[in-house]
Amino acid sequence: MPVAPLPAPQKTHPVSLLINGRPWKVQVEAAVTLLDLLRDKLQLTGTKKGCDHGQCGACTVLVGERRILSCLQLAVMHDGAELTTVEGLAEGQDLHPLQQAFVKHDALQCGYCTPGQLCSAMGLIHEGQAQNLDDIRELMSGNLCRCGAYVQIAQAVAEVALGPVAHQSDRAASSIVTGTVPG
């Protein structure tokens, strides 16, 4: 009976990253995702693996100030990049104002989606496109929450992105009649 040849060892590539202000130099195989590098090799487990298909937002991190889905990105694509994960938002024991707002508004229920929600919200704030609560809801719509804390998440993000005053929503201002679909 012939013996099957052993698979050839995977070639690795050097990748240098600045993650949460700390430099990292690692060797990774070409097919390793940024998410798997963060969680498995670097032990930065705050970033969550949800769907692993780019549909839930749990793996959102920041490259520079831009939010990305780390499960859809190969680590080698980001050689030389500056990344921020949820572990990099606080300064020591002092929570970032966005993290404080999430606590204040009870926007973290089970907490699984929270790291991705926070990183996505940071990206949203840097983008500067949100003008009201409805904009925040739309711009955060790529991040799913299994607990349904969307109202609290939007309020927390609005407090930091738009200021502490109450934010009126066009949808909240219109009445909904039971048994009808809002127009």
N, C-alpha and C. Protein backbone atom coordinates (compact mmCIF):
# COMPACT_ATOMS: atom_id res chain seq x y z
N MET A 1 0.85 -1.18 0.00
CA MET A 1 0.00 0.00 0.00
C MET A 1 0.90 1.24 0.00
N PRO A 2 0.67 2.15 -0.96
CA PRO A 2 1.51 3.35 -1.01
C PRO A 2 1.20 4.29 0.16
N VAL A 3 2.21 4.98 0.61
CA VAL A 3 2.09 5.93 1.71
C VAL A 3 1.93 7.33 1.11
N ALA A 4 0.91 8.03 1.59
CA ALA A 4 0.67 9.39 1.11
C ALA A 4 1.79 10.30 1.61
N PRO A 5 2.26 11.20 0.76
CA PRO A 5 3.32 12.11 1.22
C PRO A 5 2.78 13.08 2.27
N LEU A 6 3.63 13.48 3.16
CA LEU A 6 3.26 14.46 4.18
C LEU A 6 3.05 15.82 3.52
N PRO A 7 2.08 16.58 4.00
CA PRO A 7 1.89 17.91 3.41
C PRO A 7 3.12 18.77 3.69
N ALA A 8 3.44 19.63 2.73
CA ALA A 8 4.58 20.53 2.90
C ALA A 8 4.28 21.51 4.02
N PRO A 9 5.28 21.86 4.80
CA PRO A 9 5.04 22.84 5.87
C PRO A 9 4.62 24.18 5.26
N GLN A 10 3.72 24.86 5.95
CA GLN A 10 3.24 26.15 5.49
C GLN A 10 4.34 27.20 5.64
N LYS A 11 4.50 28.00 4.62
CA LYS A 11 5.47 29.09 4.67
C LYS A 11 4.90 30.20 5.56
N THR A 12 5.74 30.79 6.37
CA THR A 12 5.29 31.90 7.20
C THR A 12 5.88 33.21 6.69
N HIS A 13 5.23 34.29 7.10
CA HIS A 13 5.63 35.63 6.66
C HIS A 13 5.78 36.51 7.89
N PRO A 14 6.79 37.37 7.91
CA PRO A 14 6.93 38.29 9.04
C PRO A 14 5.88 39.40 8.97
N VAL A 15 5.29 39.69 10.09
CA VAL A 15 4.31 40.77 10.18
C VAL A 15 4.67 41.62 11.40
N SER A 16 4.78 42.92 11.20
CA SER A 16 5.02 43.86 12.29
C SER A 16 3.77 44.71 12.46
N LEU A 17 3.31 44.80 13.68
CA LEU A 17 2.10 45.56 13.99
C LEU A 17 2.34 46.40 15.23
N LEU A 18 1.63 47.51 15.31
CA LEU A 18 1.57 48.30 16.54
C LEU A 18 0.14 48.13 17.04
N ILE A 19 -0.03 47.36 18.11
CA ILE A 19 -1.36 47.05 18.61
C ILE A 19 -1.51 47.66 20.00
N ASN A 20 -2.48 48.54 20.12
CA ASN A 20 -2.74 49.22 21.40
C ASN A 20 -1.48 49.89 21.93
N GLY A 21 -0.68 50.44 21.01
CA GLY A 21 0.53 51.15 21.38
C GLY A 21 1.74 50.27 21.63
N ARG A 22 1.58 48.97 21.49
CA ARG A 22 2.69 48.04 21.74
C ARG A 22 3.14 47.40 20.43
N PRO A 23 4.44 47.41 20.14
CA PRO A 23 4.91 46.79 18.90
C PRO A 23 4.94 45.26 19.01
N TRP A 24 4.56 44.60 17.92
CA TRP A 24 4.58 43.14 17.82
C TRP A 24 5.26 42.75 16.52
N LYS A 25 6.10 41.73 16.57
CA LYS A 25 6.69 41.13 15.38
C LYS A 25 6.39 39.64 15.47
N VAL A 26 5.67 39.14 14.48
CA VAL A 26 5.26 37.73 14.49
C VAL A 26 5.47 37.11 13.12
N GLN A 27 5.52 35.80 13.09
CA GLN A 27 5.56 35.04 11.85
C GLN A 27 4.19 34.38 11.72
N VAL A 28 3.54 34.59 10.59
CA VAL A 28 2.21 34.01 10.38
C VAL A 28 2.13 33.35 9.01
N GLU A 29 1.30 32.35 8.94
CA GLU A 29 0.99 31.73 7.65
C GLU A 29 0.11 32.70 6.87
N ALA A 30 0.17 32.62 5.56
CA ALA A 30 -0.54 33.57 4.70
C ALA A 30 -2.05 33.57 4.93
N ALA A 31 -2.62 32.44 5.30
CA ALA A 31 -4.07 32.33 5.43
C ALA A 31 -4.60 32.67 6.82
N VAL A 32 -3.76 33.11 7.74
CA VAL A 32 -4.21 33.43 9.10
C VAL A 32 -4.93 34.77 9.09
N THR A 33 -6.14 34.79 9.62
CA THR A 33 -6.89 36.05 9.69
C THR A 33 -6.34 36.92 10.81
N LEU A 34 -6.62 38.19 10.69
CA LEU A 34 -6.22 39.13 11.73
C LEU A 34 -6.88 38.74 13.06
N LEU A 35 -8.13 38.32 13.01
CA LEU A 35 -8.83 37.88 14.21
C LEU A 35 -8.11 36.72 14.89
N ASP A 36 -7.76 35.70 14.12
CA ASP A 36 -7.07 34.55 14.71
C ASP A 36 -5.69 34.92 15.23
N LEU A 37 -5.00 35.81 14.55
CA LEU A 37 -3.71 36.28 15.06
C LEU A 37 -3.90 36.96 16.42
N LEU A 38 -4.86 37.87 16.49
CA LEU A 38 -5.09 38.60 17.74
C LEU A 38 -5.44 37.65 18.88
N ARG A 39 -6.39 36.77 18.64
CA ARG A 39 -6.89 35.90 19.71
C ARG A 39 -5.95 34.74 20.04
N ASP A 40 -5.50 34.03 19.01
CA ASP A 40 -4.77 32.78 19.25
C ASP A 40 -3.28 32.96 19.46
N LYS A 41 -2.67 33.85 18.71
CA LYS A 41 -1.21 34.00 18.80
C LYS A 41 -0.80 35.07 19.80
N LEU A 42 -1.56 36.18 19.83
CA LEU A 42 -1.19 37.30 20.69
C LEU A 42 -1.97 37.35 22.01
N GLN A 43 -2.94 36.44 22.16
CA GLN A 43 -3.76 36.34 23.37
C GLN A 43 -4.53 37.62 23.70
N LEU A 44 -4.88 38.38 22.67
CA LEU A 44 -5.74 39.55 22.85
C LEU A 44 -7.17 39.08 22.58
N THR A 45 -7.76 38.48 23.60
CA THR A 45 -9.03 37.78 23.44
C THR A 45 -10.26 38.66 23.62
N GLY A 46 -10.07 39.95 23.81
CA GLY A 46 -11.22 40.85 23.91
C GLY A 46 -12.01 40.87 22.62
N THR A 47 -11.33 40.84 21.49
CA THR A 47 -11.99 40.79 20.19
C THR A 47 -12.63 39.43 20.04
N LYS A 48 -13.91 39.39 19.73
CA LYS A 48 -14.65 38.12 19.72
C LYS A 48 -14.83 37.57 18.33
N LYS A 49 -14.88 36.24 18.27
CA LYS A 49 -15.21 35.54 17.03
C LYS A 49 -16.68 35.18 17.14
N GLY A 50 -17.49 35.85 16.35
CA GLY A 50 -18.93 35.58 16.36
C GLY A 50 -19.28 34.63 15.23
N CYS A 51 -19.59 35.19 14.08
CA CYS A 51 -20.03 34.39 12.94
C CYS A 51 -18.85 33.90 12.10
N ASP A 52 -17.73 34.59 12.16
CA ASP A 52 -16.53 34.28 11.36
C ASP A 52 -16.80 34.43 9.86
N HIS A 53 -17.84 35.21 9.50
CA HIS A 53 -18.18 35.45 8.10
C HIS A 53 -18.43 36.93 7.82
N GLY A 54 -18.09 37.82 8.75
CA GLY A 54 -18.27 39.25 8.52
C GLY A 54 -19.69 39.74 8.60
N GLN A 55 -20.57 39.01 9.28
CA GLN A 55 -21.97 39.40 9.33
C GLN A 55 -22.44 39.94 10.67
N CYS A 56 -21.64 39.75 11.74
CA CYS A 56 -22.15 40.13 13.06
C CYS A 56 -21.43 41.32 13.69
N GLY A 57 -20.20 41.62 13.29
CA GLY A 57 -19.47 42.76 13.84
C GLY A 57 -18.76 42.51 15.15
N ALA A 58 -18.85 41.31 15.72
CA ALA A 58 -18.21 41.04 17.01
C ALA A 58 -16.69 41.18 16.94
N CYS A 59 -16.12 41.02 15.76
CA CYS A 59 -14.66 41.04 15.58
C CYS A 59 -14.14 42.41 15.17
N THR A 60 -14.95 43.45 15.25
CA THR A 60 -14.54 44.78 14.80
C THR A 60 -13.36 45.30 15.61
N VAL A 61 -12.34 45.77 14.90
CA VAL A 61 -11.18 46.44 15.49
C VAL A 61 -10.92 47.68 14.65
N LEU A 62 -10.01 48.51 15.11
CA LEU A 62 -9.66 49.72 14.38
C LEU A 62 -8.27 49.59 13.77
N VAL A 63 -8.16 49.93 12.51
CA VAL A 63 -6.86 50.07 11.84
C VAL A 63 -6.72 51.56 11.62
N GLY A 64 -5.79 52.16 12.35
CA GLY A 64 -5.76 53.62 12.42
C GLY A 64 -7.05 54.03 13.11
N GLU A 65 -7.86 54.82 12.46
CA GLU A 65 -9.16 55.20 13.01
C GLU A 65 -10.31 54.56 12.25
N ARG A 66 -9.99 53.64 11.34
CA ARG A 66 -11.00 53.01 10.48
C ARG A 66 -11.40 51.66 11.06
N ARG A 67 -12.69 51.41 11.15
CA ARG A 67 -13.17 50.14 11.69
C ARG A 67 -13.17 49.07 10.60
N ILE A 68 -12.73 47.87 10.98
CA ILE A 68 -12.70 46.75 10.04
C ILE A 68 -13.20 45.50 10.75
N LEU A 69 -13.63 44.54 9.97
CA LEU A 69 -14.01 43.23 10.48
C LEU A 69 -12.77 42.34 10.41
N SER A 70 -12.19 42.03 11.55
CA SER A 70 -10.92 41.32 11.56
C SER A 70 -11.03 39.87 11.10
N CYS A 71 -12.24 39.31 11.08
CA CYS A 71 -12.40 37.93 10.60
C CYS A 71 -12.29 37.85 9.08
N LEU A 72 -12.43 38.98 8.39
CA LEU A 72 -12.37 39.00 6.93
C LEU A 72 -11.03 39.52 6.41
N GLN A 73 -10.11 39.82 7.29
CA GLN A 73 -8.84 40.40 6.90
C GLN A 73 -7.71 39.42 7.20
N LEU A 74 -6.82 39.25 6.26
CA LEU A 74 -5.64 38.43 6.52
C LEU A 74 -4.62 39.27 7.29
N ALA A 75 -3.96 38.64 8.23
CA ALA A 75 -2.98 39.35 9.06
C ALA A 75 -1.87 39.95 8.20
N VAL A 76 -1.42 39.23 7.17
CA VAL A 76 -0.32 39.72 6.34
C VAL A 76 -0.68 41.00 5.58
N MET A 77 -1.97 41.26 5.41
CA MET A 77 -2.42 42.48 4.73
C MET A 77 -2.16 43.73 5.56
N HIS A 78 -1.89 43.56 6.84
CA HIS A 78 -1.78 44.70 7.74
C HIS A 78 -0.37 44.89 8.30
N ASP A 79 0.62 44.32 7.61
CA ASP A 79 2.00 44.50 8.03
C ASP A 79 2.29 46.00 8.13
N GLY A 80 2.80 46.43 9.27
CA GLY A 80 3.12 47.83 9.49
C GLY A 80 1.97 48.68 9.99
N ALA A 81 0.80 48.09 10.17
CA ALA A 81 -0.40 48.85 10.56
C ALA A 81 -0.43 49.13 12.06
N GLU A 82 -1.20 50.15 12.41
CA GLU A 82 -1.48 50.48 13.81
C GLU A 82 -2.91 50.05 14.09
N LEU A 83 -3.08 49.14 15.04
CA LEU A 83 -4.40 48.60 15.38
C LEU A 83 -4.79 48.98 16.80
N THR A 84 -6.09 49.10 17.00
CA THR A 84 -6.63 49.27 18.35
C THR A 84 -7.71 48.22 18.52
N THR A 85 -7.58 47.45 19.60
CA THR A 85 -8.61 46.50 19.99
C THR A 85 -9.29 47.05 21.23
N VAL A 86 -10.30 46.36 21.71
CA VAL A 86 -11.01 46.83 22.89
C VAL A 86 -10.05 46.97 24.08
N GLU A 87 -9.02 46.15 24.13
CA GLU A 87 -8.05 46.24 25.23
C GLU A 87 -7.29 47.57 25.22
N GLY A 88 -7.27 48.25 24.08
CA GLY A 88 -6.54 49.50 23.96
C GLY A 88 -7.36 50.75 24.17
N LEU A 89 -8.63 50.62 24.50
CA LEU A 89 -9.47 51.81 24.67
C LEU A 89 -9.26 52.49 26.01
N ALA A 90 -9.18 51.73 27.07
CA ALA A 90 -8.98 52.30 28.40
C ALA A 90 -7.53 52.75 28.56
N GLU A 91 -7.31 53.67 29.46
CA GLU A 91 -5.95 54.08 29.81
C GLU A 91 -5.69 53.58 31.22
N GLY A 92 -5.02 52.43 31.30
CA GLY A 92 -4.82 51.79 32.59
C GLY A 92 -6.16 51.35 33.16
N GLN A 93 -6.48 51.79 34.34
CA GLN A 93 -7.74 51.45 34.99
C GLN A 93 -8.85 52.45 34.63
N ASP A 94 -8.49 53.52 33.94
CA ASP A 94 -9.48 54.55 33.58
C ASP A 94 -10.17 54.19 32.28
N LEU A 95 -11.47 53.95 32.37
CA LEU A 95 -12.24 53.60 31.18
C LEU A 95 -12.32 54.79 30.22
N HIS A 96 -12.36 54.49 28.95
CA HIS A 96 -12.59 55.50 27.91
C HIS A 96 -14.02 56.05 28.13
N PRO A 97 -14.28 57.31 27.80
CA PRO A 97 -15.63 57.85 27.95
C PRO A 97 -16.71 57.00 27.28
N LEU A 98 -16.39 56.37 26.15
CA LEU A 98 -17.35 55.50 25.48
C LEU A 98 -17.66 54.28 26.35
N GLN A 99 -16.65 53.70 26.96
CA GLN A 99 -16.87 52.57 27.86
C GLN A 99 -17.69 53.00 29.07
N GLN A 100 -17.42 54.19 29.59
CA GLN A 100 -18.19 54.71 30.71
C GLN A 100 -19.65 54.88 30.32
N ALA A 101 -19.90 55.37 29.11
CA ALA A 101 -21.28 55.57 28.64
C ALA A 101 -21.98 54.23 28.47
N PHE A 102 -21.28 53.20 28.01
CA PHE A 102 -21.88 51.87 27.89
C PHE A 102 -22.31 51.36 29.26
N VAL A 103 -21.49 51.57 30.27
CA VAL A 103 -21.85 51.15 31.63
C VAL A 103 -23.05 51.96 32.11
N LYS A 104 -22.99 53.27 31.95
CA LYS A 104 -24.06 54.17 32.41
C LYS A 104 -25.41 53.81 31.78
N HIS A 105 -25.41 53.47 30.50
CA HIS A 105 -26.67 53.19 29.78
C HIS A 105 -27.02 51.70 29.76
N ASP A 106 -26.28 50.89 30.50
CA ASP A 106 -26.52 49.43 30.53
C ASP A 106 -26.54 48.85 29.12
N ALA A 107 -25.53 49.25 28.34
CA ALA A 107 -25.46 48.85 26.94
C ALA A 107 -24.57 47.63 26.72
N LEU A 108 -24.36 46.84 27.77
CA LEU A 108 -23.45 45.72 27.59
C LEU A 108 -23.97 44.39 28.09
N GLN A 109 -25.16 44.28 28.45
CA GLN A 109 -25.86 43.06 28.87
C GLN A 109 -24.96 41.83 28.98
N CYS A 110 -24.99 40.89 28.03
CA CYS A 110 -24.15 39.69 28.17
C CYS A 110 -22.69 40.02 27.87
N GLY A 111 -22.43 41.06 27.11
CA GLY A 111 -21.08 41.52 26.87
C GLY A 111 -20.37 40.92 25.67
N TYR A 112 -20.95 39.92 25.02
CA TYR A 112 -20.23 39.27 23.93
C TYR A 112 -19.99 40.22 22.76
N CYS A 113 -20.97 41.00 22.41
CA CYS A 113 -20.83 41.91 21.27
C CYS A 113 -20.14 43.21 21.65
N THR A 114 -19.99 43.48 22.95
CA THR A 114 -19.53 44.78 23.42
C THR A 114 -18.17 45.21 22.85
N PRO A 115 -17.15 44.34 22.79
CA PRO A 115 -15.88 44.80 22.21
C PRO A 115 -16.04 45.30 20.77
N GLY A 116 -16.78 44.58 19.96
CA GLY A 116 -17.00 45.01 18.58
C GLY A 116 -17.85 46.27 18.52
N GLN A 117 -18.85 46.36 19.39
CA GLN A 117 -19.69 47.55 19.43
C GLN A 117 -18.84 48.78 19.79
N LEU A 118 -17.98 48.63 20.79
CA LEU A 118 -17.14 49.75 21.22
C LEU A 118 -16.18 50.19 20.12
N CYS A 119 -15.51 49.22 19.48
CA CYS A 119 -14.58 49.58 18.41
C CYS A 119 -15.31 50.19 17.22
N SER A 120 -16.48 49.66 16.90
CA SER A 120 -17.27 50.22 15.81
C SER A 120 -17.70 51.65 16.16
N ALA A 121 -18.11 51.86 17.39
CA ALA A 121 -18.52 53.20 17.83
C ALA A 121 -17.35 54.18 17.78
N MET A 122 -16.15 53.72 18.14
CA MET A 122 -14.97 54.59 18.05
C MET A 122 -14.73 54.99 16.59
N GLY A 123 -14.84 54.02 15.69
CA GLY A 123 -14.69 54.32 14.27
C GLY A 123 -15.75 55.30 13.80
N LEU A 124 -16.99 55.08 14.23
CA LEU A 124 -18.09 55.98 13.88
C LEU A 124 -17.79 57.40 14.34
N ILE A 125 -17.30 57.53 15.55
CA ILE A 125 -16.97 58.87 16.08
C ILE A 125 -15.87 59.51 15.24
N HIS A 126 -14.83 58.75 14.89
CA HIS A 126 -13.74 59.29 14.07
C HIS A 126 -14.22 59.68 12.68
N GLU A 127 -15.19 58.93 12.14
CA GLU A 127 -15.72 59.23 10.81
C GLU A 127 -16.45 60.56 10.80
N GLY A 128 -17.10 60.91 11.92
CA GLY A 128 -17.78 62.19 12.04
C GLY A 128 -19.02 62.37 11.19
N GLN A 129 -19.64 61.28 10.76
CA GLN A 129 -20.82 61.38 9.90
C GLN A 129 -22.14 61.41 10.66
N ALA A 130 -22.14 60.95 11.90
CA ALA A 130 -23.39 60.87 12.67
C ALA A 130 -23.80 62.26 13.15
N GLN A 131 -25.01 62.66 12.77
CA GLN A 131 -25.54 63.95 13.18
C GLN A 131 -26.67 63.82 14.19
N ASN A 132 -27.24 62.62 14.30
CA ASN A 132 -28.35 62.41 15.22
C ASN A 132 -28.44 60.92 15.57
N LEU A 133 -29.38 60.58 16.41
CA LEU A 133 -29.56 59.22 16.88
C LEU A 133 -29.88 58.25 15.74
N ASP A 134 -30.66 58.70 14.78
CA ASP A 134 -30.98 57.83 13.63
C ASP A 134 -29.72 57.51 12.82
N ASP A 135 -28.84 58.49 12.65
CA ASP A 135 -27.57 58.25 11.96
C ASP A 135 -26.75 57.21 12.72
N ILE A 136 -26.71 57.34 14.03
CA ILE A 136 -25.94 56.38 14.84
C ILE A 136 -26.51 54.98 14.68
N ARG A 137 -27.82 54.86 14.72
CA ARG A 137 -28.43 53.53 14.53
C ARG A 137 -28.04 52.94 13.18
N GLU A 138 -28.10 53.74 12.15
CA GLU A 138 -27.75 53.27 10.80
C GLU A 138 -26.27 52.90 10.70
N LEU A 139 -25.41 53.76 11.23
CA LEU A 139 -23.97 53.53 11.12
C LEU A 139 -23.47 52.40 12.02
N MET A 140 -24.25 52.02 13.01
CA MET A 140 -23.90 50.91 13.90
C MET A 140 -24.63 49.63 13.49
N SER A 141 -25.38 49.66 12.41
CA SER A 141 -26.24 48.53 12.07
C SER A 141 -25.47 47.26 11.67
N GLY A 142 -24.19 47.36 11.42
CA GLY A 142 -23.40 46.17 11.10
C GLY A 142 -22.98 45.38 12.32
N ASN A 143 -23.32 45.86 13.50
CA ASN A 143 -22.97 45.17 14.74
C ASN A 143 -24.24 44.62 15.38
N LEU A 144 -24.31 43.30 15.46
CA LEU A 144 -25.47 42.65 16.04
C LEU A 144 -25.31 42.45 17.54
N CYS A 145 -26.44 42.47 18.25
CA CYS A 145 -26.48 42.25 19.69
C CYS A 145 -27.52 41.18 19.96
N ARG A 146 -27.09 40.05 20.47
CA ARG A 146 -28.02 38.95 20.75
C ARG A 146 -29.01 39.30 21.86
N CYS A 147 -28.62 40.19 22.75
CA CYS A 147 -29.50 40.55 23.87
C CYS A 147 -30.51 41.64 23.50
N GLY A 148 -30.30 42.28 22.39
CA GLY A 148 -31.24 43.32 21.96
C GLY A 148 -31.05 44.63 22.69
N ALA A 149 -29.82 44.98 23.05
CA ALA A 149 -29.56 46.22 23.78
C ALA A 149 -29.34 47.39 22.84
N TYR A 150 -29.94 47.35 21.67
CA TYR A 150 -29.70 48.37 20.65
C TYR A 150 -30.06 49.79 21.12
N VAL A 151 -31.14 49.94 21.84
CA VAL A 151 -31.54 51.27 22.31
C VAL A 151 -30.47 51.85 23.23
N GLN A 152 -30.01 51.03 24.18
CA GLN A 152 -28.99 51.49 25.13
C GLN A 152 -27.66 51.75 24.43
N ILE A 153 -27.31 50.90 23.46
CA ILE A 153 -26.05 51.10 22.73
C ILE A 153 -26.10 52.42 21.97
N ALA A 154 -27.19 52.66 21.27
CA ALA A 154 -27.32 53.91 20.51
C ALA A 154 -27.27 55.12 21.43
N GLN A 155 -27.91 55.03 22.60
CA GLN A 155 -27.89 56.14 23.56
C GLN A 155 -26.47 56.39 24.08
N ALA A 156 -25.75 55.33 24.37
CA ALA A 156 -24.38 55.46 24.87
C ALA A 156 -23.48 56.10 23.81
N VAL A 157 -23.59 55.62 22.59
CA VAL A 157 -22.77 56.17 21.50
C VAL A 157 -23.15 57.63 21.26
N ALA A 158 -24.44 57.94 21.26
CA ALA A 158 -24.90 59.32 21.03
C ALA A 158 -24.36 60.26 22.10
N GLU A 159 -24.33 59.80 23.34
CA GLU A 159 -23.83 60.65 24.42
C GLU A 159 -22.40 61.09 24.16
N VAL A 160 -21.58 60.18 23.66
CA VAL A 160 -20.18 60.51 23.42
C VAL A 160 -20.00 61.20 22.07
N ALA A 161 -20.67 60.71 21.05
CA ALA A 161 -20.49 61.25 19.70
C ALA A 161 -21.14 62.61 19.51
N LEU A 162 -22.29 62.83 20.16
CA LEU A 162 -23.08 64.04 19.91
C LEU A 162 -23.19 64.95 21.11
N GLY A 163 -22.76 64.47 22.27
CA GLY A 163 -22.86 65.26 23.49
C GLY A 163 -23.92 64.71 24.42
N PRO A 164 -23.89 65.16 25.68
CA PRO A 164 -24.76 64.58 26.70
C PRO A 164 -26.22 65.01 26.65
N VAL A 165 -26.58 65.92 25.77
CA VAL A 165 -27.99 66.35 25.71
C VAL A 165 -28.83 65.25 25.09
N ALA A 166 -30.11 65.27 25.37
CA ALA A 166 -31.02 64.28 24.78
C ALA A 166 -31.06 64.46 23.28
N HIS A 167 -31.06 63.35 22.56
CA HIS A 167 -31.06 63.40 21.10
C HIS A 167 -32.39 62.92 20.58
N GLN A 168 -33.00 63.76 19.81
CA GLN A 168 -34.30 63.42 19.25
C GLN A 168 -34.12 62.57 18.01
N SER A 169 -34.95 61.61 17.87
CA SER A 169 -34.96 60.73 16.72
C SER A 169 -36.20 61.01 15.91
N ASP A 170 -36.07 61.06 14.59
CA ASP A 170 -37.25 61.25 13.74
C ASP A 170 -38.24 60.12 13.97
N ARG A 171 -37.72 58.89 14.10
CA ARG A 171 -38.60 57.74 14.31
C ARG A 171 -39.27 57.79 15.67
N ALA A 172 -38.53 58.22 16.69
CA ALA A 172 -39.11 58.26 18.03
C ALA A 172 -40.19 59.33 18.14
N ALA A 173 -40.10 60.37 17.31
CA ALA A 173 -41.07 61.46 17.37
C ALA A 173 -42.39 61.11 16.69
N SER A 174 -42.39 60.11 15.80
CA SER A 174 -43.63 59.77 15.10
C SER A 174 -44.36 58.66 15.85
N SER A 175 -45.67 58.75 15.86
CA SER A 175 -46.44 57.75 16.57
C SER A 175 -46.61 56.49 15.71
N ILE A 176 -46.72 55.38 16.39
CA ILE A 176 -46.93 54.10 15.72
C ILE A 176 -48.25 53.55 16.21
N VAL A 177 -49.12 53.21 15.28
CA VAL A 177 -50.42 52.64 15.62
C VAL A 177 -50.28 51.12 15.58
N THR A 178 -50.69 50.47 16.66
CA THR A 178 -50.60 49.01 16.74
C THR A 178 -51.32 48.37 15.56
N GLY A 179 -50.65 47.38 14.98
CA GLY A 179 -51.24 46.68 13.85
C GLY A 179 -50.88 47.27 12.50
N THR A 180 -50.07 48.32 12.51
CA THR A 180 -49.65 48.91 11.24
C THR A 180 -48.13 48.86 11.15
N VAL A 181 -47.64 49.02 9.95
CA VAL A 181 -46.20 49.07 9.73
C VAL A 181 -45.83 50.53 9.58
N PRO A 182 -44.84 51.00 10.36
CA PRO A 182 -44.47 52.41 10.24
C PRO A 182 -44.00 52.72 8.82
N GLY A 183 -44.35 53.90 8.32
CA GLY A 183 -44.01 54.31 6.96
C GLY A 183 -42.72 55.01 6.84
